[in-house]
Protein backbone atom coordinates (compact mmCIF):
# COMPACT_ATOMS: atom_id res chain seq x y z
CA MET A 1 134.67 41.26 166.43
CA MET A 2 133.61 44.65 165.66
CA ARG A 3 131.05 44.89 162.46
CA GLN A 4 130.68 41.12 163.17
CA ALA A 5 127.34 41.58 161.18
CA GLY A 6 127.28 43.25 157.87
CA ARG A 7 128.31 42.73 154.13
CA TYR A 8 130.79 39.88 154.28
CA MET A 9 127.79 37.76 155.44
CA ALA A 10 125.64 36.39 152.58
CA VAL A 11 122.77 36.04 154.64
CA TYR A 12 123.08 39.97 155.65
CA ARG A 13 123.10 40.57 152.16
CA LYS A 14 119.67 38.59 150.82
CA LEU A 15 118.53 40.62 153.51
CA ALA A 16 119.55 44.06 152.53
CA GLU A 17 118.50 43.13 149.07
CA LYS A 18 115.12 43.51 150.31
CA HIS A 19 115.30 46.31 152.60
CA PRO A 20 117.85 48.66 150.78
CA SER A 21 117.70 51.60 153.24
CA PHE A 22 120.35 50.70 155.94
CA ARG A 23 117.84 53.07 158.02
CA GLU A 24 115.25 51.05 158.11
CA ARG A 25 118.00 48.27 158.83
CA SER A 26 118.72 49.45 161.94
CA GLU A 27 115.46 51.59 162.91
CA ASN A 28 113.18 48.27 162.57
CA VAL A 29 113.70 46.04 165.82
CA ASP A 30 112.75 42.66 163.74
CA LEU A 31 115.92 43.68 161.58
CA ILE A 32 117.66 44.39 163.98
CA VAL A 33 117.36 41.54 166.22
CA GLU A 34 117.78 39.31 162.86
CA ILE A 35 121.13 40.97 161.99
CA SER A 36 122.66 41.03 165.34
CA LEU A 37 122.08 37.78 165.97
CA GLN A 38 123.72 36.67 162.09
CA PRO A 39 127.30 36.29 163.16
CA TRP A 40 126.12 34.68 166.45
CA LYS A 41 123.98 31.95 164.83
CA ALA A 42 126.91 30.79 162.29
CA PHE A 43 130.28 31.50 164.37
CA ARG A 44 129.04 31.75 168.17
CA PRO A 45 130.83 34.66 169.19
CA ASP A 46 131.59 35.40 172.65
CA GLY A 47 129.54 38.90 172.29
CA VAL A 48 126.61 39.49 170.27
CA ILE A 49 126.79 43.27 169.31
CA ILE A 50 123.44 44.98 168.62
CA PHE A 51 123.26 46.23 164.74
CA SER A 52 122.79 49.98 164.85
CA ASP A 53 125.08 52.61 163.93
CA ILE A 54 126.74 55.87 166.16
CA LEU A 55 124.78 58.16 164.58
CA THR A 56 121.64 56.47 165.38
CA PRO A 57 120.90 58.87 168.80
CA LEU A 58 120.98 61.73 166.88
CA PRO A 59 117.48 62.80 165.61
CA ALA A 60 116.57 62.13 169.28
CA ILE A 61 118.88 65.09 170.21
CA GLY A 62 117.73 67.92 167.63
CA ILE A 63 120.11 66.50 164.55
CA PRO A 64 118.22 64.92 161.60
CA PHE A 65 120.43 62.96 159.60
CA GLU A 66 119.88 61.01 156.05
CA ILE A 67 122.43 58.46 154.41
CA ASP A 68 123.01 58.16 151.15
CA GLU A 69 124.15 54.64 150.19
CA ALA A 70 127.11 55.72 147.90
CA LYS A 71 128.20 59.22 150.11
CA GLY A 72 127.46 57.92 153.44
CA PRO A 73 125.80 60.15 155.99
CA LEU A 74 124.61 63.59 155.07
CA LEU A 75 123.05 66.92 157.23
CA GLU A 76 120.88 68.88 156.05
CA THR A 77 122.15 71.68 158.52
CA PRO A 78 125.68 71.63 160.15
CA ILE A 79 125.93 73.61 163.62
CA VAL A 80 127.86 76.54 162.26
CA SER A 81 127.64 79.12 164.71
CA GLU A 82 125.15 79.89 167.83
CA GLU A 83 122.36 79.44 166.40
CA GLY A 84 122.21 76.19 165.31
CA LEU A 85 122.88 75.60 168.97
CA GLU A 86 118.54 75.85 169.09
CA ALA A 87 118.40 72.79 167.20
CA LEU A 88 119.92 70.73 170.43
CA HIS A 89 117.52 69.39 173.24
CA PRO A 90 117.76 66.97 175.88
CA ILE A 91 117.72 62.98 174.44
CA ASP A 92 114.09 62.07 173.45
CA LEU A 93 114.95 58.11 174.42
CA ASP A 94 110.80 57.85 173.00
CA LYS A 95 112.97 58.11 169.61
CA VAL A 96 115.42 55.46 169.76
CA ASN A 97 112.95 53.10 171.55
CA PHE A 98 113.53 50.23 168.93
CA VAL A 99 116.92 50.46 170.20
CA GLY A 100 115.80 49.30 174.14
CA GLU A 101 113.53 46.84 172.61
CA SER A 102 116.13 45.21 170.83
CA LEU A 103 118.69 45.41 173.55
CA SER A 104 116.04 43.48 175.79
CA ILE A 105 114.97 40.72 173.09
CA LEU A 106 118.92 40.20 172.41
CA ARG A 107 119.05 39.28 175.82
CA GLU A 108 116.48 37.36 175.73
CA GLU A 109 117.69 35.22 172.80
CA VAL A 110 121.19 34.76 173.84
CA GLY A 111 120.65 33.89 177.31
CA ASP A 112 124.21 33.01 179.24
CA GLY A 113 125.15 32.26 175.74
CA ALA A 114 127.20 35.60 175.07
CA ALA A 115 127.46 39.08 176.61
CA VAL A 116 125.01 41.56 175.27
CA LEU A 117 127.05 44.81 173.73
CA GLY A 118 125.87 48.26 172.73
CA PHE A 119 128.17 50.90 172.03
CA VAL A 120 127.89 54.77 171.26
CA GLY A 121 129.71 57.59 169.26
CA SER A 122 132.26 59.82 171.82
CA PRO A 123 131.15 63.43 171.32
CA TRP A 124 133.92 64.40 169.38
CA THR A 125 133.41 62.45 166.80
CA LEU A 126 130.11 62.83 166.52
CA ALA A 127 130.18 66.57 166.36
CA THR A 128 132.65 65.95 163.32
CA TYR A 129 129.73 64.72 161.62
CA ILE A 130 127.18 67.82 163.60
CA VAL A 131 129.88 70.21 162.71
CA GLU A 132 130.89 69.06 158.85
CA GLY A 133 127.64 68.09 157.87
CA LYS A 134 128.93 64.25 156.44
CA THR A 135 131.43 61.85 156.21
CA THR A 136 135.11 64.03 156.12
CA ARG A 137 139.00 62.58 155.15
CA THR A 138 140.11 66.60 156.25
CA TYR A 139 138.06 67.62 159.62
CA THR A 140 139.14 71.39 158.09
CA LYS A 141 135.83 72.77 159.54
CA ILE A 142 135.33 71.56 163.34
CA LYS A 143 139.48 71.78 163.26
CA SER A 144 139.07 75.46 162.44
CA MET A 145 136.19 76.25 165.07
CA THR A 146 138.07 74.76 167.63
CA HIS A 147 140.49 77.82 166.92
CA GLN A 148 137.95 80.54 165.80
CA GLN A 149 134.60 79.22 167.40
CA PRO A 150 135.82 77.59 170.58
CA GLU A 151 133.41 78.38 172.49
CA LEU A 152 130.78 77.40 170.18
CA LEU A 153 132.50 73.73 170.07
CA LYS A 154 132.94 73.13 173.55
CA SER A 155 128.47 74.15 173.75
CA ILE A 156 128.21 71.31 171.08
CA LEU A 157 130.90 68.84 172.95
CA SER A 158 129.33 69.41 176.39
CA HIS A 159 126.02 68.84 174.92
CA LEU A 160 126.62 65.43 173.37
CA ALA A 161 128.69 64.35 176.24
CA ASN A 162 125.32 64.75 178.88
CA GLU A 163 122.99 63.25 176.58
CA ILE A 164 125.60 60.52 174.82
CA ALA A 165 125.67 59.36 178.52
CA GLU A 166 121.90 59.19 179.25
CA TYR A 167 121.86 57.45 175.62
CA VAL A 168 124.20 54.36 177.62
CA ILE A 169 122.38 54.59 180.67
CA PHE A 170 119.42 53.57 178.32
CA GLN A 171 121.24 51.15 177.11
CA VAL A 172 122.21 49.64 179.95
CA LYS A 173 118.90 49.47 181.52
CA ALA A 174 117.56 47.85 178.32
CA GLY A 175 119.66 44.84 178.53
CA ALA A 176 123.35 46.26 177.09
CA GLN A 177 126.02 44.56 179.56
CA CYS A 178 129.11 46.21 178.16
CA ILE A 179 129.50 49.79 176.49
CA GLN A 180 131.76 50.34 173.32
CA ILE A 181 132.70 53.94 173.25
CA PHE A 182 134.04 54.77 169.56
CA ASP A 183 136.35 57.63 169.36
CA SER A 184 136.49 56.85 165.93
CA TRP A 185 138.29 60.57 164.43
CA GLY A 186 139.72 61.01 167.77
CA GLY A 187 142.98 59.46 166.15
CA GLN A 188 142.71 62.84 163.77
CA LEU A 189 143.74 65.62 166.69
CA PRO A 190 147.30 65.97 167.64
CA PRO A 191 147.95 64.89 171.40
CA HIS A 192 147.50 68.35 172.86
CA GLN A 193 144.38 68.31 170.91
CA TRP A 194 143.13 65.51 172.01
CA ASP A 195 143.71 66.49 175.30
CA GLN A 196 141.36 69.13 175.14
CA TRP A 197 138.67 68.65 172.55
CA SER A 198 137.80 64.67 172.70
CA LYS A 199 138.76 63.23 176.72
CA PRO A 200 137.21 66.10 178.89
CA TYR A 201 134.21 65.35 177.35
CA ILE A 202 134.67 61.19 177.17
CA GLN A 203 134.78 61.87 180.87
CA GLN A 204 132.13 63.98 181.46
CA LEU A 205 130.37 60.87 179.46
CA VAL A 206 132.12 58.57 181.33
CA ALA A 207 131.38 60.21 184.77
CA LYS A 208 127.51 60.30 184.35
CA VAL A 209 127.63 56.38 183.27
CA ARG A 210 129.62 55.53 186.22
CA ASP A 211 126.88 57.26 188.87
CA ALA A 212 124.15 55.34 186.98
CA CYS A 213 125.61 52.33 185.98
CA PRO A 214 128.77 51.61 188.31
CA GLY A 215 129.20 47.71 187.62
CA VAL A 216 129.01 48.38 183.47
CA PRO A 217 132.22 47.40 181.87
CA LEU A 218 133.11 50.35 179.64
CA VAL A 219 135.34 49.76 176.25
CA MET A 220 136.96 52.70 174.53
CA TYR A 221 138.07 52.28 171.06
CA ILE A 222 139.93 54.94 168.48
CA ASN A 223 141.46 54.77 165.26
CA GLY A 224 144.83 55.39 164.33
CA ASN A 225 145.30 55.37 168.47
CA GLY A 226 149.68 54.44 168.96
CA GLY A 227 150.13 58.15 169.81
CA LEU A 228 147.27 58.07 172.32
CA LEU A 229 147.74 55.25 174.15
CA GLU A 230 149.04 56.93 177.57
CA ARG A 231 146.26 59.49 177.62
CA MET A 232 143.93 56.71 177.05
CA ALA A 233 144.71 55.34 179.67
CA THR A 234 143.73 58.15 181.94
CA VAL A 235 140.24 57.74 180.68
CA ASP A 236 138.14 55.98 183.61
CA VAL A 237 137.24 52.91 180.89
CA ASP A 238 138.14 49.08 182.04
CA VAL A 239 139.67 48.32 178.40
CA ILE A 240 141.30 50.39 175.58
CA GLY A 241 141.15 48.72 172.07
CA LEU A 242 144.29 48.70 170.07
CA ASP A 243 144.20 49.48 166.42
CA TRP A 244 146.28 47.09 164.26
CA THR A 245 149.08 49.42 163.42
CA ILE A 246 150.36 48.90 166.90
CA ASP A 247 152.14 45.90 168.45
CA MET A 248 150.50 44.41 170.63
CA ALA A 249 153.48 43.70 173.38
CA ASP A 250 154.27 47.36 172.80
CA GLY A 251 150.53 48.87 173.55
CA ARG A 252 150.81 45.74 176.46
CA ARG A 253 154.19 47.40 178.16
CA ARG A 254 152.68 51.23 177.40
CA LEU A 255 149.34 50.46 179.02
CA GLY A 256 151.17 48.52 181.69
CA ASP A 257 148.88 45.54 183.55
CA SER A 258 146.44 47.83 185.04
CA ILE A 259 143.98 47.96 182.22
CA ALA A 260 142.75 45.56 180.07
CA VAL A 261 143.13 45.39 176.23
CA GLN A 262 141.02 44.64 173.30
CA GLY A 263 142.69 43.48 169.91
CA ASN A 264 143.67 43.99 167.71
CA VAL A 265 144.35 41.33 164.49
CA ASP A 266 144.88 42.96 161.40
CA PRO A 267 141.52 42.58 159.61
CA ALA A 268 143.02 41.65 156.68
CA VAL A 269 144.65 38.88 157.66
CA LEU A 270 141.14 37.12 157.40
CA PHE A 271 142.32 37.07 153.95
CA ALA A 272 144.39 34.65 153.96
CA PRO A 273 145.38 31.09 154.29
CA LEU A 274 144.21 29.70 157.67
CA PRO A 275 147.46 29.07 158.76
CA ALA A 276 148.34 32.56 158.93
CA ILE A 277 144.87 33.14 160.49
CA THR A 278 146.17 30.91 163.12
CA GLU A 279 149.51 32.61 163.55
CA ALA A 280 148.46 35.97 163.80
CA ILE A 281 145.65 35.19 166.77
CA GLU A 282 148.44 33.09 168.71
CA SER A 283 150.73 36.09 168.18
CA VAL A 284 148.04 38.50 169.45
CA VAL A 285 147.19 36.42 172.72
CA SER A 286 150.56 35.70 173.24
CA LYS A 287 152.07 39.27 173.18
CA ALA A 288 148.86 40.69 175.57
CA GLY A 289 149.28 38.89 178.42
CA THR A 290 147.30 37.48 181.08
CA ASN A 291 145.88 40.76 182.87
CA GLY A 292 142.88 41.37 180.95
CA HIS A 293 142.34 40.65 177.34
CA ILE A 294 139.57 41.03 174.63
CA LEU A 295 140.28 39.41 171.65
CA ASN A 296 138.77 41.00 168.73
CA LEU A 297 140.26 42.44 165.20
CA GLY A 298 141.99 45.95 165.31
CA HIS A 299 139.01 47.11 163.18
CA GLY A 300 136.22 46.19 161.90
CA VAL A 301 135.32 43.28 159.46
CA LEU A 302 135.94 44.40 155.49
CA VAL A 303 133.98 43.75 152.80
CA GLY A 304 134.59 41.29 151.29
CA THR A 305 136.00 39.34 154.16
CA PRO A 306 135.77 35.15 153.47
CA GLU A 307 132.80 33.57 155.91
CA GLU A 308 135.46 30.88 156.37
CA GLY A 309 138.30 33.30 157.81
CA VAL A 310 135.85 34.78 160.27
CA ALA A 311 135.09 31.34 161.41
CA HIS A 312 138.35 30.09 161.68
CA PHE A 313 139.49 33.30 164.19
CA PHE A 314 136.47 32.47 165.97
CA ASP A 315 136.84 28.77 166.35
CA THR A 316 140.73 29.14 166.99
CA ALA A 317 139.80 31.84 169.63
CA ARG A 318 137.68 28.95 171.13
CA SER A 319 140.33 26.20 171.71
CA LEU A 320 143.72 28.26 172.24
CA SER A 321 144.63 29.32 175.90
CA TYR A 322 147.48 31.88 176.75
CA GLU A 323 149.75 28.83 177.52
CA SER A 324 149.17 27.36 174.12
CA ALA A 325 149.43 30.55 172.40
CA VAL A 326 152.99 31.37 174.17
CA LEU A 327 154.03 27.66 172.95
CA ALA A 328 152.72 28.12 169.23
CA THR A 329 154.81 31.44 168.68
CA SER A 330 158.26 30.61 170.70
CA SER A 331 157.95 27.50 168.61
CA LEU A 332 157.53 29.71 165.50
CA SER A 333 160.53 32.29 166.44
């Protein structure tokens, strides 16, 4: 479950009171391991996701940042000119050693009880922070750059693709058994611009990872990907994550049966009565079919989500088969 470790859990909030800095919580090995294991110990999901952030590798490639608890990530020196490229350098994996060490410990802790999952941000999504300097709702600076400084943006994206691929390979060698690529803000691009400014750099990243780690499953997720599904299927990944705004049956029809899907229960459903959660899960499972489906939410767990709802999600998933889901949904109709 995306964001399965976090603020909705009482044990996490208690730990965060002692360690109020997100950077500390996500860059200290002991804390990373403890937080990553909190939902596994509570709910026993099939995957243990390392507690981290898509921005975590940026300092290791020359882009320092801070996190303001109210404003989110802040970059002191956004790249807005050719001179800014001078700050970029090959990734210094020693600076993210806490990620590698945490993944290794997690593999030892869970053994064969769960898959250990790593993740990265896509080049476009990371570039939005590097160019904008902070979280944005409009993306005006980076979208302007696509027209006014296209060669500069291409240089940023290509560098990110290469170095984030190295970061993926590092995670896999440390113990990650599956990697999710978050093109979180790819959905902010019109489809033809996604083809130009996001897809090629995800492909560059994926190709390098495939060469080094050919057997490792890759998942790609875009928030707001309803207009991009067919395009996403042309990237060499194993699983396409659907957000909750897409009907799973429509998503499966558009993607075909040759690629696995992930998702896509509405995160807000976990606030509902337990029978409604069961019904939502059965609907998604029955529509996803039998050709590869990772049951998940369509986005991360929301702050304030009742832990009872999360527990019920996992309990229902464990008790369910495709056949029983189809039977349950056909009886409702």
